[in-house]
C-alpha atoms as a PDB file:
ATOM      1  CA  MET A   1       7.737  -8.191   4.587  1.00  0.00           C
ATOM      2  CA  VAL A   2       4.108  -7.945   4.877  1.00  0.00           C
ATOM      3  CA  ARG A   3       3.181  -6.214   8.020  1.00  0.00           C
ATOM      4  CA  LYS A   4      -0.340  -6.485   7.019  1.00  0.00           C
ATOM      5  CA  MET A   5      -3.133  -8.618   4.913  1.00  0.00           C
ATOM      6  CA  LEU A   6      -6.955  -8.544   5.150  1.00  0.00           C
ATOM      7  CA  VAL A   7      -9.503 -10.894   2.661  1.00  0.00           C
ATOM      8  CA  THR A   8     -12.322  -9.361   1.632  1.00  0.00           C
ATOM      9  CA  LYS A   9     -14.422  -9.710  -1.837  1.00  0.00           C
ATOM     10  CA  LYS A  10     -14.346 -13.430  -0.685  1.00  0.00           C
ATOM     11  CA  ALA A  11     -17.744 -14.477  -3.248  1.00  0.00           C
ATOM     12  CA  LYS A  12     -15.882 -12.426  -6.472  1.00  0.00           C
ATOM     13  CA  GLY A  13     -11.917 -14.040  -6.436  1.00  0.00           C
ATOM     14  CA  GLY A  14     -10.437 -12.725  -3.425  1.00  0.00           C
ATOM     15  CA  GLN A  15      -9.734  -9.290  -2.335  1.00  0.00           C
ATOM     16  CA  ALA A  16      -5.914  -9.494  -1.275  1.00  0.00           C
ATOM     17  CA  ASN A  17      -5.231  -6.170   0.464  1.00  0.00           C
ATOM     18  CA  ALA A  18      -1.726  -5.756   2.678  1.00  0.00           C
ATOM     19  CA  ALA A  19       0.415  -3.291   3.876  1.00  0.00           C
ATOM     20  CA  VAL A  20       4.364  -3.548   3.337  1.00  0.00           C
ATOM     21  CA  VAL A  21       6.359  -1.995   4.709  1.00  0.00           C
ATOM     22  CA  ALA A  22      10.129  -0.762   2.748  1.00  0.00           C
ATOM     23  CA  SER A  23      13.112   1.774   2.174  1.00  0.00           C
ATOM     24  CA  GLY A  24      14.419   3.505  -1.194  1.00  0.00           C
ATOM     25  CA  THR A  25      13.748   5.976  -3.246  1.00  0.00           C
ATOM     26  CA  PRO A  26       9.775   6.187  -3.753  1.00  0.00           C
ATOM     27  CA  ALA A  27      10.177   4.860  -7.423  1.00  0.00           C
ATOM     28  CA  GLN A  28      11.823   2.021  -5.586  1.00  0.00           C
ATOM     29  CA  LEU A  29       9.348   1.988  -3.104  1.00  0.00           C
ATOM     30  CA  LEU A  30       7.033   1.943  -5.982  1.00  0.00           C
ATOM     31  CA  ASP A  31       8.523  -1.200  -7.762  1.00  0.00           C
ATOM     32  CA  VAL A  32       7.836  -3.198  -4.234  1.00  0.00           C
ATOM     33  CA  GLY A  33       4.188  -2.200  -4.593  1.00  0.00           C
ATOM     34  CA  LYS A  34       3.672  -3.719  -7.773  1.00  0.00           C
ATOM     35  CA  GLY A  35       5.711  -7.219  -6.575  1.00  0.00           C
ATOM     36  CA  CYS A  36       3.444  -7.353  -3.749  1.00  0.00           C
ATOM     37  CA  VAL A  37       0.687  -6.867  -6.065  1.00  0.00           C
ATOM     38  CA  GLU A  38       2.148  -9.510  -8.038  1.00  0.00           C
ATOM     39  CA  HIS A  39       3.055 -11.952  -5.294  1.00  0.00           C
ATOM     40  CA  PHE A  40      -1.468 -11.814  -4.081  1.00  0.00           C
ATOM     41  CA  ARG A  41      -2.292 -11.705  -7.954  1.00  0.00           C
ATOM     42  CA  ARG A  42      -1.448 -15.778  -7.438  1.00  0.00           C
ATOM     43  CA  THR A  43      -3.609 -16.680  -5.137  1.00  0.00           C
ATOM     44  CA  TYR A  44      -6.525 -14.484  -5.308  1.00  0.00           C
ATOM     45  CA  LYS A  45      -7.741 -12.410  -8.363  1.00  0.00           C
ATOM     46  CA  ALA A  46      -7.526  -8.923  -7.354  1.00  0.00           C
ATOM     47  CA  ALA A  47      -4.562  -7.027  -5.187  1.00  0.00           C
ATOM     48  CA  PHE A  48      -4.222  -3.905  -3.323  1.00  0.00           C
ATOM     49  CA  CYS A  49      -0.843  -3.044  -1.485  1.00  0.00           C
ATOM     50  CA  TYR A  50       0.084  -0.179   0.307  1.00  0.00           C
ATOM     51  CA  VAL A  51       3.785   0.434   0.490  1.00  0.00           C
ATOM     52  CA  PHE A  52       5.732   2.238   3.536  1.00  0.00           C
ATOM     53  CA  GLY A  53       8.711   4.235   3.745  1.00  0.00           C
ATOM     54  CA  SER A  54       9.648   3.323   7.578  1.00  0.00           C
ATOM     55  CA  GLN A  55       7.612   1.054  10.454  1.00  0.00           C
ATOM     56  CA  ALA A  56       7.045   4.461  12.128  1.00  0.00           C
ATOM     57  CA  ASP A  57       4.500   5.370   9.215  1.00  0.00           C
ATOM     58  CA  PHE A  58       3.393   1.659   9.158  1.00  0.00           C
ATOM     59  CA  ALA A  59       2.484   2.874  13.151  1.00  0.00           C
ATOM     60  CA  VAL A  60       0.528   5.672  13.066  1.00  0.00           C
ATOM     61  CA  THR A  61      -1.675   5.085  10.496  1.00  0.00           C
ATOM     62  CA  MET A  62      -5.967   3.535  11.272  1.00  0.00           C
ATOM     63  CA  TRP A  63      -6.938   0.870   9.127  1.00  0.00           C
ATOM     64  CA  ASN A  64     -10.841   0.340   7.572  1.00  0.00           C
ATOM     65  CA  GLU A  65     -10.996  -3.270   8.672  1.00  0.00           C
ATOM     66  CA  GLN A  66     -13.898  -3.980   7.378  1.00  0.00           C
ATOM     67  CA  GLU A  67     -12.871  -2.659   3.397  1.00  0.00           C
ATOM     68  CA  GLY A  68      -9.019  -3.086   3.795  1.00  0.00           C
ATOM     69  CA  LEU A  69      -7.986   1.034   3.787  1.00  0.00           C
ATOM     70  CA  ALA A  70      -5.336   3.359   5.858  1.00  0.00           C
ATOM     71  CA  ASP A  71      -6.156   6.712   6.595  1.00  0.00           C
ATOM     72  CA  LYS A  72      -2.159   7.664   5.756  1.00  0.00           C
ATOM     73  CA  CYS A  73       1.495   7.940   5.689  1.00  0.00           C
ATOM     74  CA  TRP A  74       1.539   5.421   3.136  1.00  0.00           C
ATOM     75  CA  ILE A  75       3.808   6.380   0.730  1.00  0.00           C
ATOM     76  CA  TRP A  76       1.915   4.022  -2.400  1.00  0.00           C
ATOM     77  CA  TYR A  77      -1.377   1.873  -2.785  1.00  0.00           C
ATOM     78  CA  VAL A  78      -0.076   0.106  -5.908  1.00  0.00           C
ATOM     79  CA  GLY A  79      -3.494  -2.338  -6.998  1.00  0.00           C
ATOM     80  CA  ILE A  80      -5.088  -4.280  -9.727  1.00  0.00           C
ATOM     81  CA  PRO A  81      -9.075  -4.304  -9.246  1.00  0.00           C
ATOM     82  CA  LEU A  82     -10.959  -7.929  -9.507  1.00  0.00           C
ATOM     83  CA  ALA A  83     -11.796  -6.239 -13.567  1.00  0.00           C
ATOM     84  CA  GLY A  84      -8.223  -6.556 -13.818  1.00  0.00           C
ATOM     85  CA  GLY A  85      -6.067  -4.476 -16.350  1.00  0.00           C
ATOM     86  CA  ASP A  86      -3.009  -3.224 -15.761  1.00  0.00           C
ATOM     87  CA  TYR A  87      -1.679  -1.552 -12.257  1.00  0.00           C
ATOM     88  CA  MET A  88      -3.232   1.457 -10.773  1.00  0.00           C
ATOM     89  CA  PRO A  89      -0.701   2.732  -8.782  1.00  0.00           C
ATOM     90  CA  MET A  90      -1.437   5.807  -6.370  1.00  0.00           C
ATOM     91  CA  GLU A  91       1.417   7.971  -4.964  1.00  0.00           C
ATOM     92  CA  MET A  92       0.488   9.807  -1.379  1.00  0.00           C
ATOM     93  CA  GLY A  93       2.918  12.791  -2.237  1.00  0.00           C
ATOM     94  CA  GLY A  94       5.182  15.528  -1.093  1.00  0.00           C
ATOM     95  CA  ILE A  95       2.705  17.668   0.609  1.00  0.00           C
ATOM     96  CA  SER A  96       0.327  15.063   2.049  1.00  0.00           C
ATOM     97  CA  TYR A  97       2.840  12.953   3.434  1.00  0.00           C
ATOM     98  CA  GLN A  98       3.954  16.242   5.772  1.00  0.00           C
ATOM     99  CA  GLN A  99       0.372  17.688   6.024  1.00  0.00           C
ATOM    100  CA  ASP A 100      -0.197  14.468   7.936  1.00  0.00           C
ATOM    101  CA  ARG A 101       2.814  14.374   9.352  1.00  0.00           C
ATOM    102  CA  CYS A 102       4.578  11.395   8.742  1.00  0.00           C
ATOM    103  CA  PRO A 103       7.362  10.658  10.895  1.00  0.00           C
ATOM    104  CA  GLY A 104       9.225   8.936   8.104  1.00  0.00           C
ATOM    105  CA  THR A 105      11.836  10.475   6.605  1.00  0.00           C
ATOM    106  CA  VAL A 106      11.170   8.972   2.226  1.00  0.00           C
ATOM    107  CA  TYR A 107       9.888  12.865   1.311  1.00  0.00           C
ATOM    108  CA  PRO A 108      12.805  15.423   2.269  1.00  0.00           C
ATOM    109  CA  LYS A 109      11.289  17.656   5.266  1.00  0.00           C
ATOM    110  CA  PRO A 110      11.657  21.580   4.108  1.00  0.00           C
END
């Protein structure tokens, strides 16, 4: 379910910046991110989606509202830019997830 959505770069065809919360393994969450991107690319030229592994992780992130960027606790940031091309996935990674003291449980805690 989409928890947040902002459209930027409207003059260039629009870029959807969305956040979703889902459960599953990191690989399953990557698929959720790709599905989110495909959903928004039906309407906008570009789309980027943050995938959070829990509502608790979504709740603690800070947002740059102008750019549609989240600062922490997301598992995947997946998108296709205005220039097109293939998916550009970026994984938060377990170390960053732990350093940010994210409250979720997607990555095992030591």
